[in-house]
Amino acid sequence: MFFSSLQQVDSSLLARAVASILRESGEPLTALPQRWLSVVFHQLLLADWDPASSKPVTPFEVYQRWPEATKRLELVELLASLELLCNPIPPACMLQSRIGPLHWRLRVIHCS
């Protein structure tokens, strides 16, 4: 899962995408998810993580910049891992109700 396709060069777009999803939910991150994102960006990707200064990005822009479905899938997996760290999971953050539309908007699921 972490990270076979996403590399340091992808960290800026990843940060923008995660920050955009978090802004959309309107729910602040608790300490544990904040720490997890810090580990992901600083330790795994060797990159900066500053959601406050991240410029918003749409799912379509992510799709255009990452034509590889594996990168978009890793973004969804990172978002799902954030949800697992929330206790309790705020209703606005629950991906179970948004995972289908999010997959579709990021075009992770290939329909033939």
N, C-alpha and C. Protein backbone atom coordinates (compact mmCIF):
# COMPACT_ATOMS: atom_id res chain seq x y z
N MET A 1 0.82 -1.19 0.00
CA MET A 1 0.00 0.00 0.00
C MET A 1 0.86 1.25 0.00
N PHE A 2 1.66 1.50 1.01
CA PHE A 2 2.41 2.75 1.11
C PHE A 2 3.82 2.55 0.69
N PHE A 3 4.30 3.12 -0.18
CA PHE A 3 3.75 3.66 -1.43
C PHE A 3 4.49 2.95 -2.53
N SER A 4 3.80 2.19 -3.32
CA SER A 4 4.46 1.50 -4.41
C SER A 4 4.48 2.36 -5.67
N SER A 5 3.52 3.25 -5.80
CA SER A 5 3.46 4.11 -6.99
C SER A 5 3.78 5.57 -6.67
N LEU A 6 3.28 6.06 -5.55
CA LEU A 6 3.52 7.46 -5.18
C LEU A 6 4.95 7.63 -4.68
N GLN A 7 5.59 8.66 -5.17
CA GLN A 7 6.97 8.96 -4.80
C GLN A 7 7.06 10.41 -4.32
N GLN A 8 8.24 10.82 -3.94
CA GLN A 8 8.45 12.18 -3.45
C GLN A 8 7.99 13.21 -4.47
N VAL A 9 8.21 12.96 -5.73
CA VAL A 9 7.80 13.89 -6.78
C VAL A 9 6.29 14.10 -6.81
N ASP A 10 5.53 13.14 -6.28
CA ASP A 10 4.07 13.23 -6.25
C ASP A 10 3.53 13.88 -4.98
N SER A 11 4.41 14.19 -4.04
CA SER A 11 3.97 14.63 -2.71
C SER A 11 3.18 15.94 -2.74
N SER A 12 3.51 16.85 -3.61
CA SER A 12 2.79 18.13 -3.66
C SER A 12 1.33 17.92 -4.06
N LEU A 13 1.11 17.15 -5.11
CA LEU A 13 -0.26 16.89 -5.54
C LEU A 13 -1.00 16.05 -4.50
N LEU A 14 -0.31 15.11 -3.89
CA LEU A 14 -0.93 14.30 -2.83
C LEU A 14 -1.37 15.20 -1.67
N ALA A 15 -0.50 16.10 -1.25
CA ALA A 15 -0.84 17.02 -0.15
C ALA A 15 -2.03 17.89 -0.52
N ARG A 16 -2.04 18.39 -1.75
CA ARG A 16 -3.16 19.21 -2.20
C ARG A 16 -4.46 18.42 -2.22
N ALA A 17 -4.40 17.17 -2.68
CA ALA A 17 -5.60 16.34 -2.76
C ALA A 17 -6.13 16.01 -1.37
N VAL A 18 -5.25 15.62 -0.46
CA VAL A 18 -5.68 15.31 0.91
C VAL A 18 -6.25 16.55 1.58
N ALA A 19 -5.58 17.68 1.44
CA ALA A 19 -6.07 18.92 2.05
C ALA A 19 -7.43 19.31 1.47
N SER A 20 -7.63 19.11 0.18
CA SER A 20 -8.91 19.44 -0.45
C SER A 20 -10.03 18.57 0.11
N ILE A 21 -9.77 17.28 0.27
CA ILE A 21 -10.78 16.37 0.83
C ILE A 21 -11.09 16.76 2.27
N LEU A 22 -10.06 17.09 3.04
CA LEU A 22 -10.28 17.48 4.44
C LEU A 22 -11.08 18.77 4.53
N ARG A 23 -10.80 19.73 3.66
CA ARG A 23 -11.57 20.97 3.66
C ARG A 23 -13.03 20.69 3.31
N GLU A 24 -13.23 19.80 2.35
CA GLU A 24 -14.59 19.45 1.91
C GLU A 24 -15.40 18.85 3.06
N SER A 25 -14.75 18.04 3.89
CA SER A 25 -15.47 17.40 4.99
C SER A 25 -15.83 18.41 6.07
N GLY A 26 -15.02 19.45 6.23
CA GLY A 26 -15.27 20.45 7.24
C GLY A 26 -14.94 20.02 8.66
N GLU A 27 -14.40 18.83 8.81
CA GLU A 27 -14.06 18.31 10.14
C GLU A 27 -12.57 18.48 10.40
N PRO A 28 -12.21 19.02 11.56
CA PRO A 28 -10.78 19.14 11.88
C PRO A 28 -10.18 17.77 12.19
N LEU A 29 -8.91 17.61 11.88
CA LEU A 29 -8.22 16.36 12.20
C LEU A 29 -7.86 16.32 13.67
N THR A 30 -8.00 15.16 14.26
CA THR A 30 -7.55 14.96 15.63
C THR A 30 -6.04 14.71 15.62
N ALA A 31 -5.46 14.56 16.79
CA ALA A 31 -4.00 14.44 16.90
C ALA A 31 -3.44 13.22 16.18
N LEU A 32 -4.11 12.07 16.29
CA LEU A 32 -3.56 10.86 15.68
C LEU A 32 -3.53 10.93 14.15
N PRO A 33 -4.62 11.32 13.48
CA PRO A 33 -4.53 11.46 12.03
C PRO A 33 -3.51 12.52 11.59
N GLN A 34 -3.40 13.61 12.36
CA GLN A 34 -2.39 14.62 12.04
C GLN A 34 -0.99 14.02 12.11
N ARG A 35 -0.76 13.23 13.13
CA ARG A 35 0.54 12.58 13.30
C ARG A 35 0.79 11.60 12.16
N TRP A 36 -0.23 10.85 11.76
CA TRP A 36 -0.11 9.89 10.67
C TRP A 36 0.28 10.60 9.37
N LEU A 37 -0.38 11.72 9.06
CA LEU A 37 -0.04 12.46 7.85
C LEU A 37 1.38 13.01 7.93
N SER A 38 1.78 13.43 9.10
CA SER A 38 3.15 13.91 9.28
C SER A 38 4.15 12.80 8.99
N VAL A 39 3.88 11.60 9.48
CA VAL A 39 4.76 10.45 9.22
C VAL A 39 4.77 10.14 7.73
N VAL A 40 3.61 10.10 7.11
CA VAL A 40 3.53 9.79 5.68
C VAL A 40 4.35 10.77 4.86
N PHE A 41 4.14 12.05 5.11
CA PHE A 41 4.83 13.05 4.29
C PHE A 41 6.30 13.21 4.67
N HIS A 42 6.59 13.33 5.96
CA HIS A 42 7.98 13.59 6.36
C HIS A 42 8.87 12.37 6.32
N GLN A 43 8.35 11.23 6.74
CA GLN A 43 9.18 10.03 6.83
C GLN A 43 9.16 9.16 5.57
N LEU A 44 7.97 8.96 5.00
CA LEU A 44 7.87 8.08 3.84
C LEU A 44 8.17 8.80 2.52
N LEU A 45 7.65 10.01 2.38
CA LEU A 45 7.83 10.74 1.12
C LEU A 45 8.92 11.80 1.19
N LEU A 46 9.45 12.04 2.39
CA LEU A 46 10.50 13.05 2.58
C LEU A 46 10.06 14.40 2.01
N ALA A 47 8.84 14.79 2.36
CA ALA A 47 8.25 16.02 1.83
C ALA A 47 7.57 16.81 2.94
N ASP A 48 7.25 18.05 2.63
CA ASP A 48 6.55 18.91 3.59
C ASP A 48 5.05 18.64 3.54
N TRP A 49 4.41 18.86 4.68
CA TRP A 49 2.95 18.71 4.79
C TRP A 49 2.43 19.94 5.51
N ASP A 50 1.76 20.81 4.76
CA ASP A 50 1.16 22.00 5.34
C ASP A 50 -0.21 22.19 4.69
N PRO A 51 -1.23 21.55 5.29
CA PRO A 51 -2.56 21.61 4.66
C PRO A 51 -3.12 23.02 4.56
N ALA A 52 -2.74 23.89 5.47
CA ALA A 52 -3.28 25.25 5.46
C ALA A 52 -2.84 26.02 4.21
N SER A 53 -1.66 25.73 3.71
CA SER A 53 -1.17 26.47 2.55
C SER A 53 -1.32 25.70 1.24
N SER A 54 -1.95 24.53 1.30
CA SER A 54 -2.13 23.73 0.09
C SER A 54 -3.25 24.29 -0.76
N LYS A 55 -2.95 24.52 -2.02
CA LYS A 55 -3.94 25.02 -2.97
C LYS A 55 -4.92 23.89 -3.29
N PRO A 56 -6.22 24.17 -3.27
CA PRO A 56 -7.21 23.12 -3.56
C PRO A 56 -7.01 22.52 -4.96
N VAL A 57 -7.39 21.26 -5.07
CA VAL A 57 -7.32 20.55 -6.35
C VAL A 57 -8.59 19.70 -6.47
N THR A 58 -9.10 19.60 -7.68
CA THR A 58 -10.31 18.80 -7.90
C THR A 58 -9.92 17.36 -8.25
N PRO A 59 -10.86 16.43 -8.06
CA PRO A 59 -10.57 15.05 -8.47
C PRO A 59 -10.21 14.93 -9.95
N PHE A 60 -10.83 15.75 -10.80
CA PHE A 60 -10.50 15.69 -12.22
C PHE A 60 -9.06 16.13 -12.48
N GLU A 61 -8.60 17.16 -11.75
CA GLU A 61 -7.20 17.59 -11.89
C GLU A 61 -6.25 16.48 -11.46
N VAL A 62 -6.62 15.77 -10.38
CA VAL A 62 -5.80 14.64 -9.92
C VAL A 62 -5.76 13.58 -11.01
N TYR A 63 -6.91 13.29 -11.59
CA TYR A 63 -7.00 12.31 -12.67
C TYR A 63 -6.10 12.72 -13.85
N GLN A 64 -6.14 13.99 -14.21
CA GLN A 64 -5.33 14.46 -15.33
C GLN A 64 -3.83 14.37 -15.04
N ARG A 65 -3.45 14.73 -13.82
CA ARG A 65 -2.02 14.73 -13.46
C ARG A 65 -1.49 13.33 -13.19
N TRP A 66 -2.35 12.43 -12.74
CA TRP A 66 -1.96 11.05 -12.46
C TRP A 66 -2.77 10.12 -13.34
N PRO A 67 -2.34 9.92 -14.58
CA PRO A 67 -3.09 9.01 -15.44
C PRO A 67 -3.04 7.56 -14.96
N GLU A 68 -2.08 7.25 -14.09
CA GLU A 68 -1.98 5.89 -13.56
C GLU A 68 -3.01 5.69 -12.46
N ALA A 69 -3.86 4.69 -12.61
CA ALA A 69 -4.89 4.42 -11.60
C ALA A 69 -4.25 4.02 -10.27
N THR A 70 -3.07 3.45 -10.29
CA THR A 70 -2.44 3.00 -9.05
C THR A 70 -2.14 4.18 -8.12
N LYS A 71 -1.75 5.31 -8.67
CA LYS A 71 -1.48 6.49 -7.84
C LYS A 71 -2.78 7.00 -7.21
N ARG A 72 -3.84 7.03 -7.98
CA ARG A 72 -5.13 7.51 -7.45
C ARG A 72 -5.67 6.54 -6.42
N LEU A 73 -5.46 5.25 -6.63
CA LEU A 73 -5.89 4.26 -5.66
C LEU A 73 -5.13 4.43 -4.34
N GLU A 74 -3.84 4.71 -4.41
CA GLU A 74 -3.07 4.93 -3.18
C GLU A 74 -3.56 6.17 -2.44
N LEU A 75 -4.03 7.18 -3.15
CA LEU A 75 -4.64 8.35 -2.51
C LEU A 75 -5.88 7.92 -1.74
N VAL A 76 -6.74 7.13 -2.37
CA VAL A 76 -7.96 6.65 -1.71
C VAL A 76 -7.59 5.80 -0.49
N GLU A 77 -6.57 4.96 -0.61
CA GLU A 77 -6.14 4.13 0.52
C GLU A 77 -5.62 4.99 1.67
N LEU A 78 -4.91 6.07 1.35
CA LEU A 78 -4.44 6.98 2.40
C LEU A 78 -5.63 7.63 3.10
N LEU A 79 -6.62 8.05 2.33
CA LEU A 79 -7.82 8.66 2.93
C LEU A 79 -8.57 7.65 3.81
N ALA A 80 -8.64 6.40 3.36
CA ALA A 80 -9.29 5.36 4.16
C ALA A 80 -8.52 5.12 5.45
N SER A 81 -7.18 5.16 5.39
CA SER A 81 -6.39 4.97 6.61
C SER A 81 -6.63 6.11 7.59
N LEU A 82 -6.84 7.32 7.09
CA LEU A 82 -7.16 8.45 7.98
C LEU A 82 -8.48 8.21 8.69
N GLU A 83 -9.45 7.69 7.94
CA GLU A 83 -10.75 7.43 8.55
C GLU A 83 -10.63 6.40 9.67
N LEU A 84 -9.80 5.39 9.46
CA LEU A 84 -9.63 4.35 10.47
C LEU A 84 -9.02 4.89 11.77
N LEU A 85 -8.27 5.99 11.67
CA LEU A 85 -7.63 6.57 12.85
C LEU A 85 -8.54 7.50 13.64
N CYS A 86 -9.66 7.87 13.07
CA CYS A 86 -10.61 8.76 13.76
C CYS A 86 -11.44 7.93 14.74
N ASN A 87 -11.61 8.47 15.93
CA ASN A 87 -12.42 7.77 16.92
C ASN A 87 -13.19 8.80 17.73
N PRO A 88 -14.48 8.90 17.57
CA PRO A 88 -15.31 8.21 16.59
C PRO A 88 -15.15 8.87 15.22
N ILE A 89 -15.61 8.20 14.20
CA ILE A 89 -15.53 8.75 12.85
C ILE A 89 -16.65 9.77 12.69
N PRO A 90 -16.30 11.04 12.44
CA PRO A 90 -17.35 12.05 12.23
C PRO A 90 -18.16 11.70 10.99
N PRO A 91 -19.49 11.82 11.05
CA PRO A 91 -20.34 11.46 9.91
C PRO A 91 -19.93 12.14 8.61
N ALA A 92 -19.47 13.40 8.68
CA ALA A 92 -19.08 14.11 7.47
C ALA A 92 -17.82 13.53 6.84
N CYS A 93 -17.05 12.77 7.61
CA CYS A 93 -15.80 12.20 7.11
C CYS A 93 -15.94 10.76 6.63
N MET A 94 -17.09 10.16 6.84
CA MET A 94 -17.23 8.74 6.55
C MET A 94 -17.12 8.49 5.05
N LEU A 95 -16.06 7.80 4.68
CA LEU A 95 -15.83 7.50 3.27
C LEU A 95 -16.79 6.44 2.75
N GLN A 96 -17.37 5.64 3.63
CA GLN A 96 -18.24 4.57 3.13
C GLN A 96 -19.36 5.14 2.28
N SER A 97 -19.82 6.34 2.62
CA SER A 97 -20.88 6.94 1.82
C SER A 97 -20.32 7.73 0.64
N ARG A 98 -19.01 7.99 0.66
CA ARG A 98 -18.41 8.79 -0.40
C ARG A 98 -17.41 8.01 -1.23
N ILE A 99 -17.06 6.78 -0.84
CA ILE A 99 -16.00 6.05 -1.52
C ILE A 99 -16.36 5.75 -2.97
N GLY A 100 -17.61 5.38 -3.22
CA GLY A 100 -18.04 5.13 -4.59
C GLY A 100 -17.91 6.38 -5.46
N PRO A 101 -18.54 7.48 -5.04
CA PRO A 101 -18.40 8.71 -5.82
C PRO A 101 -16.95 9.19 -5.93
N LEU A 102 -16.17 9.02 -4.85
CA LEU A 102 -14.78 9.45 -4.89
C LEU A 102 -13.99 8.59 -5.87
N HIS A 103 -14.20 7.28 -5.84
CA HIS A 103 -13.55 6.39 -6.81
C HIS A 103 -13.93 6.81 -8.23
N TRP A 104 -15.22 7.08 -8.42
CA TRP A 104 -15.68 7.45 -9.76
C TRP A 104 -15.05 8.76 -10.20
N ARG A 105 -15.03 9.76 -9.30
CA ARG A 105 -14.47 11.06 -9.66
C ARG A 105 -12.98 10.97 -9.93
N LEU A 106 -12.28 10.09 -9.21
CA LEU A 106 -10.84 9.92 -9.45
C LEU A 106 -10.57 8.89 -10.54
N ARG A 107 -11.64 8.23 -10.99
CA ARG A 107 -11.55 7.22 -12.05
C ARG A 107 -10.57 6.11 -11.69
N VAL A 108 -10.70 5.64 -10.45
CA VAL A 108 -9.87 4.54 -9.99
C VAL A 108 -10.44 3.22 -10.50
N ILE A 109 -11.76 3.12 -10.46
CA ILE A 109 -12.42 1.91 -10.91
C ILE A 109 -12.52 1.96 -12.43
N HIS A 110 -12.02 0.93 -13.08
CA HIS A 110 -12.05 0.88 -14.55
C HIS A 110 -13.30 0.11 -14.97
N CYS A 111 -14.18 0.79 -15.66
CA CYS A 111 -15.38 0.14 -16.16
C CYS A 111 -15.23 -0.07 -17.66
N SER A 112 -15.40 -1.31 -18.08
CA SER A 112 -15.26 -1.58 -19.52
C SER A 112 -16.60 -1.78 -20.18
